[in-house]
Every structure is written in C-alpha cells, then in structure tokens.
C-alpha cells in the first residue's frame, strides 16, 4: 500500500470514527485498537476526536485483509506497514537523487549553486552562473558544491 496510490485529497482527515468504521467494514472499537497499536494513526481535532482520511480508511481495509485473509498477527502487520513506509521513503529519495544527478549531468545549476569570483585586489563577490569574472587576467576556477571535501580547483 504505497502513498503514491492516493490522490492529494485522500490525505484530508474528514471522517469521524463511526463513518470511518462503517466505510472500512469494522467496529469503531477495532479502529481505536488499531490506533493504540499505531497501525493506523488518524488526525485529531482540538478536542481529541479522531478524524480519518480516505487513505486511513483504505489502510484500515488492508490491515483487516492481512489479519483475516492472510492470518498475519497485528505485530506482523505493524512490521509490514513499517517496511512499506521505509521502501516508499527510499524510493522517493532515489528519485530525488536521480533528478539531482540528471541536473548535474546536464550542467544546469540547482537552486543551491552559488558562484563567486575574486577581484585583483582580493575582494570576493557573488556572480551569476555562467558570468565571466570581472577581471580577465585570472586563469583560476573553483567549483564548490557546499559539501565537505567536494570542492575542485
């Protein structure tokens, strides 16, 4: 059950516990138990009332399916959900790193790229990416990416 399977509106907490229980096909007390175990954690109102999203209801159905149809214990289901969340987070990070790598391969500066130049008198000034230094006598170029040990001259 990945987060990518849901539209942005699916995260909006709109259902009170009785409606969520009916939509999931289970008793409200079961939802409270799943909340105590950390299997499905609904949002809370200021008064402490639970509010379930469409994603929460789908997750409740999945927990019920794993428990009843597959015979998996609740601690086992908790571990499965934890691992699925970890996989989703890792996939998201891989996508971010892949996009960053592709950007760097194309030579497109990212939002964190800063370019500096030094005048003949030793003053440092910020320049735009691709801008030539104000003094043309210099042959030096330093690329600093902001990560320790990753500068090149």
C-alpha atoms as a PDB file:
ATOM      1  CA  UNK A   1       0.000   0.000   0.000  1.00  0.00           C
ATOM      2  CA  UNK A   2       2.111   2.914  -1.198  1.00  0.00           C
ATOM      3  CA  UNK A   3       1.398   6.598  -0.687  1.00  0.00           C
ATOM      4  CA  UNK A   4       1.645   7.051  -4.468  1.00  0.00           C
ATOM      5  CA  UNK A   5      -1.643   5.150  -4.844  1.00  0.00           C
ATOM      6  CA  UNK A   6      -3.555   8.065  -3.317  1.00  0.00           C
ATOM      7  CA  UNK A   7      -4.546  11.453  -4.686  1.00  0.00           C
ATOM      8  CA  UNK A   8      -3.641  14.562  -2.615  1.00  0.00           C
ATOM      9  CA  UNK A   9      -7.227  14.892  -1.336  1.00  0.00           C
ATOM     10  CA  UNK A  10      -7.040  11.374   0.070  1.00  0.00           C
ATOM     11  CA  UNK A  11      -4.935  12.676   2.956  1.00  0.00           C
ATOM     12  CA  UNK A  12      -7.586  15.125   4.186  1.00  0.00           C
ATOM     13  CA  UNK A  13      -8.998  13.968   7.558  1.00  0.00           C
ATOM     14  CA  UNK A  14     -12.770  14.227   7.133  1.00  0.00           C
ATOM     15  CA  UNK A  15     -14.418  11.105   8.597  1.00  0.00           C
ATOM     16  CA  UNK A  16     -15.411  10.722  12.238  1.00  0.00           C
ATOM     17  CA  UNK A  17     -14.706   7.318  13.737  1.00  0.00           C
ATOM     18  CA  UNK A  18     -18.224   5.940  13.211  1.00  0.00           C
ATOM     19  CA  UNK A  19     -18.201   6.815   9.495  1.00  0.00           C
ATOM     20  CA  UNK A  20     -14.652   5.508   9.029  1.00  0.00           C
ATOM     21  CA  UNK A  21     -15.620   2.262  10.771  1.00  0.00           C
ATOM     22  CA  UNK A  22     -18.630   1.836   8.501  1.00  0.00           C
ATOM     23  CA  UNK A  23     -16.581   2.605   5.367  1.00  0.00           C
ATOM     24  CA  UNK A  24     -13.902   0.112   6.449  1.00  0.00           C
ATOM     25  CA  UNK A  25     -16.478  -2.518   7.377  1.00  0.00           C
ATOM     26  CA  UNK A  26     -15.443  -2.897  11.002  1.00  0.00           C
ATOM     27  CA  UNK A  27     -16.434  -1.842  14.510  1.00  0.00           C
ATOM     28  CA  UNK A  28     -15.324   1.545  15.881  1.00  0.00           C
ATOM     29  CA  UNK A  29     -13.627  -0.249  18.795  1.00  0.00           C
ATOM     30  CA  UNK A  30     -11.378  -2.031  16.286  1.00  0.00           C
ATOM     31  CA  UNK A  31     -10.319   1.355  14.901  1.00  0.00           C
ATOM     32  CA  UNK A  32      -9.469   2.505  18.421  1.00  0.00           C
ATOM     33  CA  UNK A  33      -7.381  -0.649  18.942  1.00  0.00           C
ATOM     34  CA  UNK A  34      -5.525  -0.128  15.661  1.00  0.00           C
ATOM     35  CA  UNK A  35      -4.861   3.467  16.709  1.00  0.00           C
ATOM     36  CA  UNK A  36      -3.478   2.338  20.102  1.00  0.00           C
ATOM     37  CA  UNK A  37      -1.209  -0.157  18.317  1.00  0.00           C
ATOM     38  CA  UNK A  38      -0.044   2.501  15.852  1.00  0.00           C
ATOM     39  CA  UNK A  39      -1.297   0.607  12.798  1.00  0.00           C
ATOM     40  CA  UNK A  40      -3.498   3.469  11.600  1.00  0.00           C
ATOM     41  CA  UNK A  41      -2.997   6.861  13.200  1.00  0.00           C
ATOM     42  CA  UNK A  42      -5.834   9.278  12.434  1.00  0.00           C
ATOM     43  CA  UNK A  43      -5.592  13.033  12.803  1.00  0.00           C
ATOM     44  CA  UNK A  44      -7.030  14.600  15.942  1.00  0.00           C
ATOM     45  CA  UNK A  45      -9.319  17.548  16.444  1.00  0.00           C
ATOM     46  CA  UNK A  46      -8.560  20.130  19.117  1.00  0.00           C
ATOM     47  CA  UNK A  47     -10.946  18.267  21.382  1.00  0.00           C
ATOM     48  CA  UNK A  48      -9.106  14.988  20.807  1.00  0.00           C
ATOM     49  CA  UNK A  49     -11.632  13.398  18.433  1.00  0.00           C
ATOM     50  CA  UNK A  50     -10.286  11.141  15.705  1.00  0.00           C
ATOM     51  CA  UNK A  51     -10.608  12.188  12.060  1.00  0.00           C
ATOM     52  CA  UNK A  52      -9.867   9.646   9.348  1.00  0.00           C
ATOM     53  CA  UNK A  53      -8.869  10.330   5.748  1.00  0.00           C
ATOM     54  CA  UNK A  54      -9.717   8.226   2.700  1.00  0.00           C
ATOM     55  CA  UNK A  55      -6.135   6.936   2.885  1.00  0.00           C
ATOM     56  CA  UNK A  56      -6.708   5.886   6.514  1.00  0.00           C
ATOM     57  CA  UNK A  57      -9.888   4.005   5.527  1.00  0.00           C
ATOM     58  CA  UNK A  58      -8.015   2.177   2.731  1.00  0.00           C
ATOM     59  CA  UNK A  59      -5.258   1.320   5.203  1.00  0.00           C
ATOM     60  CA  UNK A  60      -7.846   0.000   7.691  1.00  0.00           C
ATOM     61  CA  UNK A  61      -9.207  -2.284   4.971  1.00  0.00           C
ATOM     62  CA  UNK A  62      -5.686  -3.506   4.180  1.00  0.00           C
ATOM     63  CA  UNK A  63      -4.957  -4.217   7.861  1.00  0.00           C
ATOM     64  CA  UNK A  64      -8.213  -6.145   8.111  1.00  0.00           C
ATOM     65  CA  UNK A  65      -7.401  -8.122   4.930  1.00  0.00           C
ATOM     66  CA  UNK A  66      -3.924  -9.021   6.167  1.00  0.00           C
ATOM     67  CA  UNK A  67      -5.317 -10.070   9.528  1.00  0.00           C
ATOM     68  CA  UNK A  68      -8.370 -12.029   8.404  1.00  0.00           C
ATOM     69  CA  UNK A  69      -7.473 -13.337   4.946  1.00  0.00           C
ATOM     70  CA  UNK A  70      -3.733 -13.842   5.379  1.00  0.00           C
ATOM     71  CA  UNK A  71      -3.734 -14.723   9.091  1.00  0.00           C
ATOM     72  CA  UNK A  72      -0.973 -12.245   9.923  1.00  0.00           C
ATOM     73  CA  UNK A  73      -0.723 -11.094  13.533  1.00  0.00           C
ATOM     74  CA  UNK A  74      -1.144  -7.408  14.392  1.00  0.00           C
ATOM     75  CA  UNK A  75       2.557  -7.037  15.312  1.00  0.00           C
ATOM     76  CA  UNK A  76       3.392  -8.667  11.964  1.00  0.00           C
ATOM     77  CA  UNK A  77       1.112  -6.220  10.166  1.00  0.00           C
ATOM     78  CA  UNK A  78       2.770  -3.330  12.014  1.00  0.00           C
ATOM     79  CA  UNK A  79       6.155  -4.533  10.745  1.00  0.00           C
ATOM     80  CA  UNK A  80       4.856  -4.916   7.176  1.00  0.00           C
ATOM     81  CA  UNK A  81       3.483  -1.355   7.230  1.00  0.00           C
ATOM     82  CA  UNK A  82       6.730  -0.049   8.680  1.00  0.00           C
ATOM     83  CA  UNK A  83       8.744  -1.735   5.927  1.00  0.00           C
ATOM     84  CA  UNK A  84       6.366  -0.473   3.216  1.00  0.00           C
ATOM     85  CA  UNK A  85       6.764   3.083   4.528  1.00  0.00           C
ATOM     86  CA  UNK A  86      10.538   2.661   4.591  1.00  0.00           C
ATOM     87  CA  UNK A  87      10.555   1.367   0.999  1.00  0.00           C
ATOM     88  CA  UNK A  88       8.371   4.303  -0.129  1.00  0.00           C
ATOM     89  CA  UNK A  89      10.716   6.794   1.581  1.00  0.00           C
ATOM     90  CA  UNK A  90      13.754   5.160  -0.026  1.00  0.00           C
ATOM     91  CA  UNK A  91      12.109   5.190  -3.455  1.00  0.00           C
ATOM     92  CA  UNK A  92      11.350   8.877  -3.025  1.00  0.00           C
ATOM     93  CA  UNK A  93      14.962   9.573  -2.058  1.00  0.00           C
ATOM     94  CA  UNK A  94      16.258   7.605  -5.065  1.00  0.00           C
ATOM     95  CA  UNK A  95      14.003   9.696  -7.331  1.00  0.00           C
ATOM     96  CA  UNK A  96      15.351  12.923  -5.757  1.00  0.00           C
ATOM     97  CA  UNK A  97      18.954  11.794  -6.180  1.00  0.00           C
ATOM     98  CA  UNK A  98      18.313  10.659  -9.755  1.00  0.00           C
ATOM     99  CA  UNK A  99      16.835  14.056 -10.611  1.00  0.00           C
ATOM    100  CA  UNK A 100      19.791  15.830  -8.984  1.00  0.00           C
ATOM    101  CA  UNK A 101      22.248  13.629 -10.873  1.00  0.00           C
ATOM    102  CA  UNK A 102      20.491  14.294 -14.175  1.00  0.00           C
ATOM    103  CA  UNK A 103      20.541  18.040 -13.485  1.00  0.00           C
ATOM    104  CA  UNK A 104      24.258  17.945 -12.755  1.00  0.00           C
ATOM    105  CA  UNK A 105      24.953  15.850 -15.847  1.00  0.00           C
ATOM    106  CA  UNK A 106      23.220  18.459 -17.977  1.00  0.00           C
ATOM    107  CA  UNK A 107      25.214  21.205 -16.255  1.00  0.00           C
ATOM    108  CA  UNK A 108      22.122  23.021 -15.045  1.00  0.00           C
ATOM    109  CA  UNK A 109      22.866  24.771 -11.746  1.00  0.00           C
ATOM    110  CA  UNK A 110      20.434  23.916  -8.987  1.00  0.00           C
ATOM    111  CA  UNK A 111      18.916  26.388  -6.540  1.00  0.00           C
ATOM    112  CA  UNK A 112      21.826  25.887  -4.121  1.00  0.00           C
ATOM    113  CA  UNK A 113      24.569  26.604  -6.656  1.00  0.00           C
ATOM    114  CA  UNK A 114      26.428  29.823  -5.912  1.00  0.00           C
ATOM    115  CA  UNK A 115      29.249  31.274  -7.964  1.00  0.00           C
ATOM    116  CA  UNK A 116      31.915  33.562  -6.542  1.00  0.00           C
ATOM    117  CA  UNK A 117      34.789  35.428  -8.106  1.00  0.00           C
ATOM    118  CA  UNK A 118      37.762  37.287  -6.668  1.00  0.00           C
ATOM    119  CA  UNK A 119      38.875  40.686  -7.881  1.00  0.00           C
ATOM    120  CA  UNK A 120      42.590  41.506  -8.398  1.00  0.00           C
ATOM    121  CA  UNK A 121      42.514  43.324  -5.051  1.00  0.00           C
ATOM    122  CA  UNK A 122      41.293  40.136  -3.297  1.00  0.00           C
ATOM    123  CA  UNK A 123      37.643  41.116  -2.855  1.00  0.00           C
ATOM    124  CA  UNK A 124      35.174  38.237  -3.203  1.00  0.00           C
ATOM    125  CA  UNK A 125      31.893  38.894  -4.951  1.00  0.00           C
ATOM    126  CA  UNK A 126      28.934  36.770  -5.986  1.00  0.00           C
ATOM    127  CA  UNK A 127      28.413  36.193  -9.688  1.00  0.00           C
ATOM    128  CA  UNK A 128      25.664  34.587 -11.712  1.00  0.00           C
ATOM    129  CA  UNK A 129      26.254  31.085 -13.089  1.00  0.00           C
ATOM    130  CA  UNK A 130      27.896  31.459 -16.497  1.00  0.00           C
ATOM    131  CA  UNK A 131      29.010  35.056 -15.861  1.00  0.00           C
ATOM    132  CA  UNK A 132      32.644  35.802 -16.710  1.00  0.00           C
ATOM    133  CA  UNK A 133      34.851  37.204 -13.947  1.00  0.00           C
ATOM    134  CA  UNK A 134      35.199  40.985 -13.891  1.00  0.00           C
ATOM    135  CA  UNK A 135      38.960  40.668 -14.265  1.00  0.00           C
ATOM    136  CA  UNK A 136      40.207  38.713 -17.252  1.00  0.00           C
ATOM    137  CA  UNK A 137      43.783  38.079 -16.045  1.00  0.00           C
ATOM    138  CA  UNK A 138      42.820  35.118 -13.856  1.00  0.00           C
ATOM    139  CA  UNK A 139      43.009  31.510 -15.040  1.00  0.00           C
ATOM    140  CA  UNK A 140      41.701  30.007 -11.775  1.00  0.00           C
ATOM    141  CA  UNK A 141      38.324  28.392 -11.348  1.00  0.00           C
ATOM    142  CA  UNK A 142      36.986  26.867  -8.145  1.00  0.00           C
ATOM    143  CA  UNK A 143      33.778  24.863  -8.024  1.00  0.00           C
ATOM    144  CA  UNK A 144      32.358  24.410  -4.550  1.00  0.00           C
ATOM    145  CA  UNK A 145      29.268  22.287  -4.080  1.00  0.00           C
ATOM    146  CA  UNK A 146      28.685  23.005  -0.402  1.00  0.00           C
ATOM    147  CA  UNK A 147      29.586  19.506   0.748  1.00  0.00           C
ATOM    148  CA  UNK A 148      32.667  18.824   2.816  1.00  0.00           C
ATOM    149  CA  UNK A 149      35.541  17.586   0.696  1.00  0.00           C
ATOM    150  CA  UNK A 150      33.824  18.091  -2.626  1.00  0.00           C
ATOM    151  CA  UNK A 151      35.463  21.261  -3.933  1.00  0.00           C
ATOM    152  CA  UNK A 152      37.585  21.073  -7.084  1.00  0.00           C
ATOM    153  CA  UNK A 153      40.158  23.505  -8.454  1.00  0.00           C
END
